[in-house]
N, C-alpha and C. Protein backbone atom coordinates (compact mmCIF):
# COMPACT_ATOMS: atom_id res chain seq x y z
N UNK A 1 2.26 34.15 -3.88
CA UNK A 1 1.97 34.08 -2.46
C UNK A 1 3.25 34.33 -1.67
N UNK A 2 3.72 35.51 -1.68
CA UNK A 2 4.98 35.86 -1.04
C UNK A 2 4.90 35.82 0.48
N UNK A 3 3.72 35.76 1.06
CA UNK A 3 3.60 35.71 2.51
C UNK A 3 3.97 34.35 3.10
N UNK A 4 4.09 33.32 2.25
CA UNK A 4 4.39 31.99 2.73
C UNK A 4 5.87 31.83 3.02
N UNK A 5 6.17 31.19 4.13
CA UNK A 5 7.54 30.79 4.42
C UNK A 5 7.81 29.56 3.57
N UNK A 6 9.01 29.42 3.10
CA UNK A 6 9.38 28.27 2.29
C UNK A 6 10.17 27.29 3.14
N UNK A 7 9.52 26.24 3.57
CA UNK A 7 10.18 25.19 4.33
C UNK A 7 10.48 24.03 3.39
N UNK A 8 11.49 23.24 3.72
CA UNK A 8 11.78 22.02 2.97
C UNK A 8 11.39 20.82 3.82
N UNK A 9 11.19 19.67 3.20
CA UNK A 9 10.88 18.48 4.00
C UNK A 9 11.97 18.17 5.03
N UNK A 10 13.24 18.30 4.65
CA UNK A 10 14.32 17.97 5.59
C UNK A 10 14.36 18.96 6.76
N UNK A 11 14.14 20.24 6.49
CA UNK A 11 14.09 21.25 7.55
C UNK A 11 12.96 20.90 8.53
N UNK A 12 11.79 20.60 7.99
CA UNK A 12 10.62 20.31 8.81
C UNK A 12 10.84 19.06 9.66
N UNK A 13 11.42 18.02 9.07
CA UNK A 13 11.69 16.80 9.82
C UNK A 13 12.67 17.08 10.95
N UNK A 14 13.71 17.84 10.67
CA UNK A 14 14.69 18.16 11.71
C UNK A 14 14.05 18.97 12.84
N UNK A 15 13.15 19.90 12.50
CA UNK A 15 12.43 20.66 13.54
C UNK A 15 11.61 19.72 14.43
N UNK A 16 10.96 18.71 13.82
CA UNK A 16 10.18 17.76 14.60
C UNK A 16 11.09 16.92 15.50
N UNK A 17 12.21 16.46 14.96
CA UNK A 17 13.16 15.67 15.75
C UNK A 17 13.68 16.50 16.93
N UNK A 18 14.10 17.73 16.63
CA UNK A 18 14.60 18.61 17.69
C UNK A 18 13.53 18.91 18.73
N UNK A 19 12.31 19.16 18.27
CA UNK A 19 11.21 19.44 19.19
C UNK A 19 10.90 18.25 20.08
N UNK A 20 10.93 17.03 19.50
CA UNK A 20 10.66 15.84 20.31
C UNK A 20 11.78 15.63 21.33
N UNK A 21 13.01 15.87 20.94
CA UNK A 21 14.12 15.75 21.89
C UNK A 21 13.98 16.75 23.03
N UNK A 22 13.54 17.96 22.71
CA UNK A 22 13.32 18.96 23.75
C UNK A 22 12.19 18.52 24.68
N UNK A 23 11.13 17.96 24.10
CA UNK A 23 9.99 17.44 24.86
C UNK A 23 10.45 16.36 25.85
N UNK A 24 11.33 15.48 25.39
CA UNK A 24 11.81 14.39 26.23
C UNK A 24 12.61 14.89 27.44
N UNK A 25 13.18 16.07 27.30
CA UNK A 25 14.03 16.61 28.36
C UNK A 25 13.40 17.79 29.09
N UNK A 26 12.09 18.01 28.91
CA UNK A 26 11.42 19.15 29.52
C UNK A 26 10.30 18.69 30.44
N UNK A 27 9.90 19.59 31.29
CA UNK A 27 8.73 19.30 32.13
C UNK A 27 7.55 20.19 31.74
N UNK A 28 7.77 21.08 30.77
CA UNK A 28 6.70 21.93 30.28
C UNK A 28 7.05 22.41 28.88
N UNK A 29 6.06 22.91 28.14
CA UNK A 29 6.25 23.44 26.80
C UNK A 29 6.46 24.94 26.93
N UNK A 30 7.65 25.39 26.57
CA UNK A 30 7.96 26.81 26.75
C UNK A 30 7.74 27.65 25.50
N UNK A 31 6.90 27.17 24.59
CA UNK A 31 6.60 27.94 23.38
C UNK A 31 5.82 29.20 23.75
N UNK A 32 6.03 30.23 22.96
CA UNK A 32 5.37 31.50 23.22
C UNK A 32 3.92 31.42 22.75
N UNK A 33 3.01 31.56 23.69
CA UNK A 33 1.58 31.52 23.35
C UNK A 33 0.83 32.65 24.05
N UNK A 34 1.51 33.77 24.24
CA UNK A 34 0.89 34.90 24.94
C UNK A 34 -0.16 35.59 24.06
N UNK A 35 -0.90 36.51 24.64
CA UNK A 35 -2.01 37.18 23.96
C UNK A 35 -1.55 37.91 22.70
N UNK A 36 -0.38 38.58 22.75
CA UNK A 36 0.07 39.30 21.56
C UNK A 36 0.42 38.35 20.42
N UNK A 37 0.96 37.18 20.74
CA UNK A 37 1.26 36.18 19.71
C UNK A 37 -0.03 35.65 19.09
N UNK A 38 -1.01 35.37 19.93
CA UNK A 38 -2.30 34.88 19.43
C UNK A 38 -2.93 35.92 18.51
N UNK A 39 -2.90 37.17 18.92
CA UNK A 39 -3.48 38.24 18.09
C UNK A 39 -2.71 38.38 16.78
N UNK A 40 -1.38 38.36 16.84
CA UNK A 40 -0.55 38.51 15.64
C UNK A 40 -0.82 37.37 14.65
N UNK A 41 -0.94 36.15 15.16
CA UNK A 41 -1.16 35.00 14.29
C UNK A 41 -2.54 35.02 13.64
N UNK A 42 -3.50 35.69 14.26
CA UNK A 42 -4.84 35.74 13.68
C UNK A 42 -4.90 36.67 12.47
N UNK A 43 -3.92 37.55 12.34
CA UNK A 43 -3.92 38.53 11.26
C UNK A 43 -3.06 38.15 10.05
N UNK A 44 -2.40 37.01 10.10
CA UNK A 44 -1.53 36.63 8.98
C UNK A 44 -1.93 35.26 8.45
N UNK A 45 -1.40 34.93 7.29
CA UNK A 45 -1.63 33.61 6.71
C UNK A 45 -0.88 32.58 7.54
N UNK A 46 -1.53 31.48 7.85
CA UNK A 46 -0.84 30.46 8.62
C UNK A 46 0.25 29.79 7.79
N UNK A 47 1.37 29.50 8.44
CA UNK A 47 2.50 28.88 7.75
C UNK A 47 3.08 27.74 8.58
N UNK A 48 2.30 26.69 8.81
CA UNK A 48 2.84 25.56 9.56
C UNK A 48 3.94 24.87 8.76
N UNK A 49 4.92 24.32 9.46
CA UNK A 49 6.02 23.67 8.76
C UNK A 49 5.80 22.17 8.56
N UNK A 50 4.77 21.61 9.20
CA UNK A 50 4.49 20.18 9.03
C UNK A 50 3.01 19.92 9.29
N UNK A 51 2.52 18.87 8.68
CA UNK A 51 1.16 18.37 8.92
C UNK A 51 1.32 17.03 9.63
N UNK A 52 0.67 16.88 10.76
CA UNK A 52 0.72 15.64 11.52
C UNK A 52 -0.67 15.01 11.48
N UNK A 53 -0.74 13.79 10.98
CA UNK A 53 -1.98 13.02 11.02
C UNK A 53 -1.80 12.02 12.15
N UNK A 54 -2.62 12.15 13.18
CA UNK A 54 -2.43 11.33 14.37
C UNK A 54 -3.77 10.80 14.86
N UNK A 55 -3.68 9.98 15.88
CA UNK A 55 -4.88 9.45 16.52
C UNK A 55 -5.53 10.54 17.35
N UNK A 56 -6.82 10.47 17.48
CA UNK A 56 -7.55 11.44 18.28
C UNK A 56 -7.47 11.15 19.78
N UNK A 57 -6.67 10.17 20.17
CA UNK A 57 -6.43 9.84 21.57
C UNK A 57 -6.01 11.11 22.32
N UNK A 58 -6.65 11.40 23.42
CA UNK A 58 -6.39 12.64 24.15
C UNK A 58 -4.98 12.71 24.75
N UNK A 59 -4.29 11.59 24.77
CA UNK A 59 -2.92 11.56 25.29
C UNK A 59 -1.87 11.81 24.20
N UNK A 60 -2.33 11.92 22.97
CA UNK A 60 -1.44 12.15 21.83
C UNK A 60 -1.66 13.59 21.37
N UNK A 61 -0.78 14.47 21.80
CA UNK A 61 -0.92 15.90 21.52
C UNK A 61 0.34 16.37 20.78
N UNK A 62 0.29 16.40 19.44
CA UNK A 62 1.49 16.74 18.66
C UNK A 62 2.16 18.06 19.06
N UNK A 63 1.36 19.06 19.42
CA UNK A 63 1.95 20.34 19.80
C UNK A 63 2.87 20.20 21.02
N UNK A 64 2.55 19.28 21.91
CA UNK A 64 3.42 19.02 23.06
C UNK A 64 4.54 18.05 22.68
N UNK A 65 4.19 16.98 22.00
CA UNK A 65 5.16 15.95 21.63
C UNK A 65 6.32 16.55 20.84
N UNK A 66 6.04 17.58 20.03
CA UNK A 66 7.08 18.21 19.22
C UNK A 66 7.46 19.59 19.76
N UNK A 67 6.99 19.91 20.98
CA UNK A 67 7.34 21.15 21.67
C UNK A 67 7.15 22.38 20.78
N UNK A 68 5.95 22.51 20.25
CA UNK A 68 5.65 23.62 19.35
C UNK A 68 4.64 24.58 19.97
N UNK A 69 4.48 25.69 19.32
CA UNK A 69 3.49 26.68 19.74
C UNK A 69 2.38 26.78 18.71
N UNK A 70 1.55 27.77 18.89
CA UNK A 70 0.42 28.01 18.00
C UNK A 70 0.94 28.33 16.60
N UNK A 71 0.36 27.71 15.58
CA UNK A 71 0.67 28.02 14.20
C UNK A 71 1.80 27.23 13.58
N UNK A 72 2.46 26.37 14.34
CA UNK A 72 3.60 25.64 13.80
C UNK A 72 3.23 24.32 13.13
N UNK A 73 2.19 23.66 13.62
CA UNK A 73 1.77 22.37 13.06
C UNK A 73 0.33 22.45 12.56
N UNK A 74 0.06 21.73 11.49
CA UNK A 74 -1.29 21.56 10.97
C UNK A 74 -1.67 20.13 11.35
N UNK A 75 -2.62 19.95 12.28
CA UNK A 75 -2.91 18.64 12.85
C UNK A 75 -4.25 18.12 12.36
N UNK A 76 -4.24 16.86 11.93
CA UNK A 76 -5.46 16.14 11.55
C UNK A 76 -5.53 14.93 12.50
N UNK A 77 -6.55 14.88 13.34
CA UNK A 77 -6.69 13.79 14.30
C UNK A 77 -7.92 12.95 13.97
N UNK A 78 -7.71 11.66 13.84
CA UNK A 78 -8.80 10.72 13.55
C UNK A 78 -8.66 9.51 14.47
N UNK A 79 -9.72 8.76 14.63
CA UNK A 79 -9.65 7.54 15.43
C UNK A 79 -8.65 6.59 14.76
N UNK A 80 -7.66 6.17 15.53
CA UNK A 80 -6.67 5.22 15.02
C UNK A 80 -5.78 5.79 13.94
N UNK A 81 -5.69 7.10 13.81
CA UNK A 81 -4.95 7.80 12.75
C UNK A 81 -5.24 7.23 11.37
N UNK A 82 -6.49 6.83 11.17
CA UNK A 82 -6.91 6.30 9.87
C UNK A 82 -7.23 7.45 8.93
N UNK A 83 -6.94 7.22 7.68
CA UNK A 83 -7.15 8.24 6.65
C UNK A 83 -8.35 7.86 5.80
N UNK A 84 -9.30 8.79 5.69
CA UNK A 84 -10.44 8.65 4.80
C UNK A 84 -10.39 9.81 3.81
N UNK A 85 -11.42 9.98 3.00
CA UNK A 85 -11.41 11.03 1.99
C UNK A 85 -11.33 12.42 2.61
N UNK A 86 -11.99 12.64 3.73
CA UNK A 86 -11.92 13.94 4.38
C UNK A 86 -10.49 14.23 4.85
N UNK A 87 -9.82 13.26 5.42
CA UNK A 87 -8.43 13.45 5.85
C UNK A 87 -7.53 13.71 4.65
N UNK A 88 -7.76 13.01 3.55
CA UNK A 88 -6.96 13.23 2.33
C UNK A 88 -7.16 14.66 1.83
N UNK A 89 -8.42 15.10 1.76
CA UNK A 89 -8.71 16.46 1.30
C UNK A 89 -8.07 17.49 2.23
N UNK A 90 -8.11 17.25 3.52
CA UNK A 90 -7.51 18.16 4.48
C UNK A 90 -5.98 18.21 4.31
N UNK A 91 -5.36 17.06 4.08
CA UNK A 91 -3.91 17.01 3.83
C UNK A 91 -3.57 17.72 2.52
N UNK A 92 -4.41 17.55 1.51
CA UNK A 92 -4.19 18.26 0.24
C UNK A 92 -4.22 19.77 0.47
N UNK A 93 -5.18 20.22 1.26
CA UNK A 93 -5.27 21.65 1.58
C UNK A 93 -3.97 22.14 2.24
N UNK A 94 -3.49 21.39 3.22
CA UNK A 94 -2.26 21.77 3.92
C UNK A 94 -1.08 21.86 2.96
N UNK A 95 -0.95 20.87 2.10
CA UNK A 95 0.20 20.82 1.18
C UNK A 95 0.07 21.83 0.05
N UNK A 96 -1.11 21.96 -0.52
CA UNK A 96 -1.30 22.80 -1.69
C UNK A 96 -1.51 24.27 -1.32
N UNK A 97 -2.33 24.54 -0.34
CA UNK A 97 -2.69 25.92 -0.01
C UNK A 97 -1.81 26.55 1.07
N UNK A 98 -1.22 25.73 1.94
CA UNK A 98 -0.38 26.26 3.01
C UNK A 98 1.10 25.96 2.78
N UNK A 99 1.41 25.29 1.68
CA UNK A 99 2.79 24.93 1.34
C UNK A 99 3.49 24.09 2.40
N UNK A 100 2.76 23.27 3.10
CA UNK A 100 3.36 22.37 4.08
C UNK A 100 4.19 21.33 3.31
N UNK A 101 5.49 21.22 3.61
CA UNK A 101 6.34 20.32 2.84
C UNK A 101 6.47 18.91 3.40
N UNK A 102 5.90 18.67 4.59
CA UNK A 102 6.06 17.37 5.23
C UNK A 102 4.76 16.95 5.88
N UNK A 103 4.31 15.75 5.54
CA UNK A 103 3.16 15.14 6.20
C UNK A 103 3.66 13.91 6.93
N UNK A 104 3.35 13.83 8.23
CA UNK A 104 3.74 12.71 9.05
C UNK A 104 2.49 12.00 9.54
N UNK A 105 2.34 10.73 9.18
CA UNK A 105 1.26 9.91 9.73
C UNK A 105 1.85 9.24 10.97
N UNK A 106 1.36 9.64 12.14
CA UNK A 106 1.96 9.19 13.39
C UNK A 106 1.02 8.27 14.16
N UNK A 107 1.40 7.00 14.21
CA UNK A 107 0.71 6.05 15.07
C UNK A 107 1.27 6.16 16.48
N UNK A 108 0.71 5.41 17.41
CA UNK A 108 1.23 5.44 18.77
C UNK A 108 1.03 4.11 19.46
N UNK A 109 1.88 3.84 20.44
CA UNK A 109 1.72 2.63 21.23
C UNK A 109 0.52 2.81 22.15
N UNK A 110 -0.01 1.72 22.62
CA UNK A 110 -1.18 1.70 23.52
C UNK A 110 -2.42 2.29 22.86
N UNK A 111 -2.51 2.15 21.54
CA UNK A 111 -3.69 2.62 20.80
C UNK A 111 -4.83 1.63 20.99
N UNK A 112 -5.96 2.11 21.45
CA UNK A 112 -7.11 1.23 21.73
C UNK A 112 -7.61 0.55 20.46
N UNK A 113 -7.59 1.26 19.34
CA UNK A 113 -8.06 0.68 18.08
C UNK A 113 -7.14 -0.46 17.64
N UNK A 114 -5.85 -0.22 17.67
CA UNK A 114 -4.89 -1.26 17.27
C UNK A 114 -4.96 -2.44 18.23
N UNK A 115 -5.02 -2.14 19.53
CA UNK A 115 -5.12 -3.21 20.53
C UNK A 115 -6.38 -4.05 20.33
N UNK A 116 -7.49 -3.39 20.03
CA UNK A 116 -8.74 -4.12 19.80
C UNK A 116 -8.65 -4.99 18.55
N UNK A 117 -7.98 -4.50 17.52
CA UNK A 117 -7.81 -5.29 16.30
C UNK A 117 -6.93 -6.51 16.57
N UNK A 118 -5.85 -6.31 17.31
CA UNK A 118 -4.96 -7.43 17.64
C UNK A 118 -5.70 -8.50 18.43
N UNK A 119 -6.49 -8.07 19.39
CA UNK A 119 -7.18 -9.01 20.30
C UNK A 119 -8.59 -9.36 19.86
N UNK A 120 -8.96 -8.92 18.67
CA UNK A 120 -10.28 -9.22 18.10
C UNK A 120 -11.41 -8.79 19.04
N UNK A 121 -11.24 -7.63 19.65
CA UNK A 121 -12.28 -7.06 20.53
C UNK A 121 -13.11 -6.07 19.74
N UNK A 122 -14.34 -5.94 20.14
CA UNK A 122 -15.23 -4.99 19.47
C UNK A 122 -15.25 -3.68 20.23
N UNK A 123 -15.35 -2.58 19.47
CA UNK A 123 -15.58 -1.26 20.04
C UNK A 123 -16.86 -0.75 19.37
N UNK A 124 -17.83 -0.42 20.17
CA UNK A 124 -19.11 0.02 19.63
C UNK A 124 -18.93 1.14 18.62
N UNK A 125 -19.58 1.03 17.50
CA UNK A 125 -19.60 2.01 16.40
C UNK A 125 -18.32 2.03 15.56
N UNK A 126 -17.35 1.17 15.84
CA UNK A 126 -16.10 1.21 15.11
C UNK A 126 -15.79 -0.09 14.35
N UNK A 127 -16.82 -0.86 14.03
CA UNK A 127 -16.57 -2.16 13.41
C UNK A 127 -15.87 -2.03 12.05
N UNK A 128 -16.23 -1.05 11.23
CA UNK A 128 -15.58 -0.88 9.93
C UNK A 128 -14.11 -0.51 10.09
N UNK A 129 -13.83 0.36 11.05
CA UNK A 129 -12.45 0.76 11.31
C UNK A 129 -11.64 -0.43 11.80
N UNK A 130 -12.20 -1.19 12.72
CA UNK A 130 -11.49 -2.36 13.24
C UNK A 130 -11.25 -3.39 12.14
N UNK A 131 -12.22 -3.57 11.25
CA UNK A 131 -12.04 -4.51 10.13
C UNK A 131 -10.86 -4.07 9.26
N UNK A 132 -10.76 -2.76 9.01
CA UNK A 132 -9.66 -2.25 8.20
C UNK A 132 -8.31 -2.49 8.88
N UNK A 133 -8.23 -2.19 10.17
CA UNK A 133 -6.97 -2.38 10.89
C UNK A 133 -6.61 -3.85 10.96
N UNK A 134 -7.59 -4.72 11.19
CA UNK A 134 -7.33 -6.17 11.22
C UNK A 134 -6.75 -6.64 9.89
N UNK A 135 -7.30 -6.13 8.79
CA UNK A 135 -6.80 -6.52 7.47
C UNK A 135 -5.36 -6.04 7.28
N UNK A 136 -5.07 -4.85 7.73
CA UNK A 136 -3.74 -4.26 7.57
C UNK A 136 -2.68 -5.00 8.39
N UNK A 137 -3.01 -5.37 9.63
CA UNK A 137 -2.00 -6.00 10.49
C UNK A 137 -1.86 -7.50 10.24
N UNK A 138 -2.87 -8.10 9.63
CA UNK A 138 -2.79 -9.53 9.34
C UNK A 138 -2.59 -10.34 10.60
N UNK A 139 -1.55 -11.19 10.61
CA UNK A 139 -1.28 -12.07 11.74
C UNK A 139 -0.33 -11.44 12.78
N UNK A 140 0.16 -10.24 12.49
CA UNK A 140 1.09 -9.58 13.41
C UNK A 140 0.41 -9.29 14.75
N UNK A 141 1.11 -9.51 15.85
CA UNK A 141 0.52 -9.25 17.18
C UNK A 141 1.38 -8.30 18.03
N UNK A 142 2.55 -7.93 17.56
CA UNK A 142 3.39 -6.99 18.31
C UNK A 142 2.77 -5.60 18.14
N UNK A 143 2.40 -4.96 19.26
CA UNK A 143 1.62 -3.73 19.21
C UNK A 143 2.31 -2.63 18.43
N UNK A 144 3.58 -2.39 18.67
CA UNK A 144 4.29 -1.31 17.97
C UNK A 144 4.35 -1.60 16.47
N UNK A 145 4.63 -2.84 16.10
CA UNK A 145 4.68 -3.20 14.68
C UNK A 145 3.31 -3.01 14.03
N UNK A 146 2.26 -3.36 14.75
CA UNK A 146 0.91 -3.18 14.22
C UNK A 146 0.58 -1.70 14.04
N UNK A 147 1.00 -0.87 14.98
CA UNK A 147 0.76 0.57 14.87
C UNK A 147 1.49 1.16 13.67
N UNK A 148 2.70 0.67 13.42
CA UNK A 148 3.46 1.13 12.25
C UNK A 148 2.78 0.68 10.96
N UNK A 149 2.34 -0.58 10.93
CA UNK A 149 1.61 -1.08 9.74
C UNK A 149 0.37 -0.24 9.48
N UNK A 150 -0.33 0.11 10.55
CA UNK A 150 -1.53 0.93 10.42
C UNK A 150 -1.19 2.32 9.86
N UNK A 151 -0.11 2.92 10.36
CA UNK A 151 0.31 4.23 9.86
C UNK A 151 0.73 4.14 8.39
N UNK A 152 1.43 3.07 8.03
CA UNK A 152 1.84 2.89 6.63
C UNK A 152 0.63 2.73 5.71
N UNK A 153 -0.42 2.11 6.21
CA UNK A 153 -1.65 1.98 5.43
C UNK A 153 -2.26 3.36 5.18
N UNK A 154 -2.25 4.22 6.20
CA UNK A 154 -2.77 5.57 6.01
C UNK A 154 -1.91 6.36 5.03
N UNK A 155 -0.59 6.17 5.10
CA UNK A 155 0.31 6.82 4.14
C UNK A 155 -0.02 6.35 2.72
N UNK A 156 -0.26 5.06 2.56
CA UNK A 156 -0.61 4.52 1.25
C UNK A 156 -1.89 5.18 0.72
N UNK A 157 -2.86 5.39 1.59
CA UNK A 157 -4.10 6.04 1.18
C UNK A 157 -3.85 7.48 0.75
N UNK A 158 -2.98 8.19 1.48
CA UNK A 158 -2.63 9.56 1.08
C UNK A 158 -2.01 9.58 -0.31
N UNK A 159 -1.24 8.55 -0.62
CA UNK A 159 -0.57 8.49 -1.91
C UNK A 159 -1.51 8.16 -3.07
N UNK A 160 -2.79 7.96 -2.78
CA UNK A 160 -3.77 7.80 -3.87
C UNK A 160 -4.20 9.16 -4.42
N UNK A 161 -3.85 10.22 -3.71
CA UNK A 161 -4.20 11.57 -4.14
C UNK A 161 -3.26 12.05 -5.24
N UNK A 162 -3.83 12.43 -6.37
CA UNK A 162 -3.02 12.97 -7.46
C UNK A 162 -2.30 14.25 -7.05
N UNK A 163 -2.98 15.07 -6.26
CA UNK A 163 -2.37 16.32 -5.79
C UNK A 163 -1.13 16.02 -4.96
N UNK A 164 -1.25 15.12 -3.99
CA UNK A 164 -0.12 14.79 -3.14
C UNK A 164 0.98 14.08 -3.91
N UNK A 165 0.59 13.23 -4.84
CA UNK A 165 1.60 12.55 -5.69
C UNK A 165 2.39 13.57 -6.50
N UNK A 166 1.70 14.51 -7.13
CA UNK A 166 2.37 15.52 -7.95
C UNK A 166 3.32 16.38 -7.12
N UNK A 167 2.89 16.79 -5.94
CA UNK A 167 3.75 17.59 -5.09
C UNK A 167 5.00 16.81 -4.66
N UNK A 168 4.85 15.52 -4.43
CA UNK A 168 6.01 14.70 -4.09
C UNK A 168 6.96 14.58 -5.29
N UNK A 169 6.40 14.37 -6.47
CA UNK A 169 7.21 14.27 -7.69
C UNK A 169 7.99 15.56 -7.93
N UNK A 170 7.37 16.70 -7.63
CA UNK A 170 8.01 18.00 -7.81
C UNK A 170 9.01 18.32 -6.69
N UNK A 171 9.12 17.45 -5.69
CA UNK A 171 10.04 17.67 -4.58
C UNK A 171 9.55 18.68 -3.57
N UNK A 172 8.27 19.01 -3.62
CA UNK A 172 7.70 20.00 -2.70
C UNK A 172 7.08 19.38 -1.46
N UNK A 173 6.99 18.05 -1.43
CA UNK A 173 6.31 17.37 -0.34
C UNK A 173 6.95 16.01 -0.10
N UNK A 174 7.01 15.66 1.18
CA UNK A 174 7.42 14.31 1.57
C UNK A 174 6.37 13.80 2.55
N UNK A 175 5.99 12.53 2.41
CA UNK A 175 5.06 11.90 3.33
C UNK A 175 5.80 10.75 4.00
N UNK A 176 5.81 10.76 5.34
CA UNK A 176 6.49 9.71 6.09
C UNK A 176 5.57 9.21 7.20
N UNK A 177 6.01 8.16 7.88
CA UNK A 177 5.27 7.65 9.03
C UNK A 177 6.14 7.77 10.28
N UNK A 178 5.50 7.68 11.42
CA UNK A 178 6.21 7.75 12.70
C UNK A 178 5.44 6.97 13.74
N UNK A 179 6.14 6.62 14.79
CA UNK A 179 5.51 5.95 15.93
C UNK A 179 5.86 6.70 17.20
N UNK A 180 4.83 7.12 17.93
CA UNK A 180 5.00 7.78 19.22
C UNK A 180 4.89 6.73 20.30
N UNK A 181 5.95 6.57 21.09
CA UNK A 181 5.95 5.62 22.19
C UNK A 181 5.44 6.33 23.44
N UNK A 182 4.24 6.00 23.85
CA UNK A 182 3.60 6.73 24.95
C UNK A 182 4.39 6.66 26.27
N UNK A 183 4.91 5.51 26.68
CA UNK A 183 5.62 5.48 27.97
C UNK A 183 6.90 6.34 28.01
N UNK A 184 7.59 6.46 26.87
CA UNK A 184 8.85 7.22 26.88
C UNK A 184 8.70 8.61 26.31
N UNK A 185 7.70 8.85 25.45
CA UNK A 185 7.54 10.14 24.78
C UNK A 185 8.34 10.27 23.51
N UNK A 186 9.11 9.26 23.16
CA UNK A 186 9.99 9.30 21.99
C UNK A 186 9.20 9.02 20.71
N UNK A 187 9.53 9.79 19.66
CA UNK A 187 8.95 9.56 18.33
C UNK A 187 10.03 8.94 17.45
N UNK A 188 9.69 7.85 16.81
CA UNK A 188 10.58 7.17 15.87
C UNK A 188 10.02 7.41 14.48
N UNK A 189 10.83 8.01 13.60
CA UNK A 189 10.38 8.32 12.25
C UNK A 189 10.75 7.21 11.28
N UNK A 190 9.84 6.95 10.33
CA UNK A 190 10.05 5.94 9.29
C UNK A 190 9.92 6.61 7.95
N UNK A 191 11.04 6.79 7.28
CA UNK A 191 11.06 7.53 6.01
C UNK A 191 10.91 6.60 4.84
């Protein structure tokens, strides 16, 4: 598969750090997303340098948070950034078929799911998810710490995949967690 770009986990992490720093100091995303770029990207194999598993919260937009353009990130968004079998299979696809060397499970502050779990509030149709988050956070009540615990739980679930484990053992993949602070826009990585 010679069409694939070869990224390393450290390169990908540095691109995310640099992109987030640019985001913090910008008022807009200046990535190239013109019609010719869109057309060009439709004709080639996608080569994202990172996979971001994040919450489906509409205020959490990895492409903006990391100041990227079309084709740079492979994004999996779920309620509360929780990982189930579909998310695991999707992450396996990114790592195995697209050669993505870095998977980041990114929680965020002000997450409604985490807040509901901390405060023992119900959200219609999400009782199983809330039960899982409550179990993960235990007695912790600090929102940021709970969001990190939740992200670490999703990372642990990803590590149940033999495919992802093998790629990590071979040095082709790294899985880390991160916390996006909504009020400041800053992402803190946990390796």
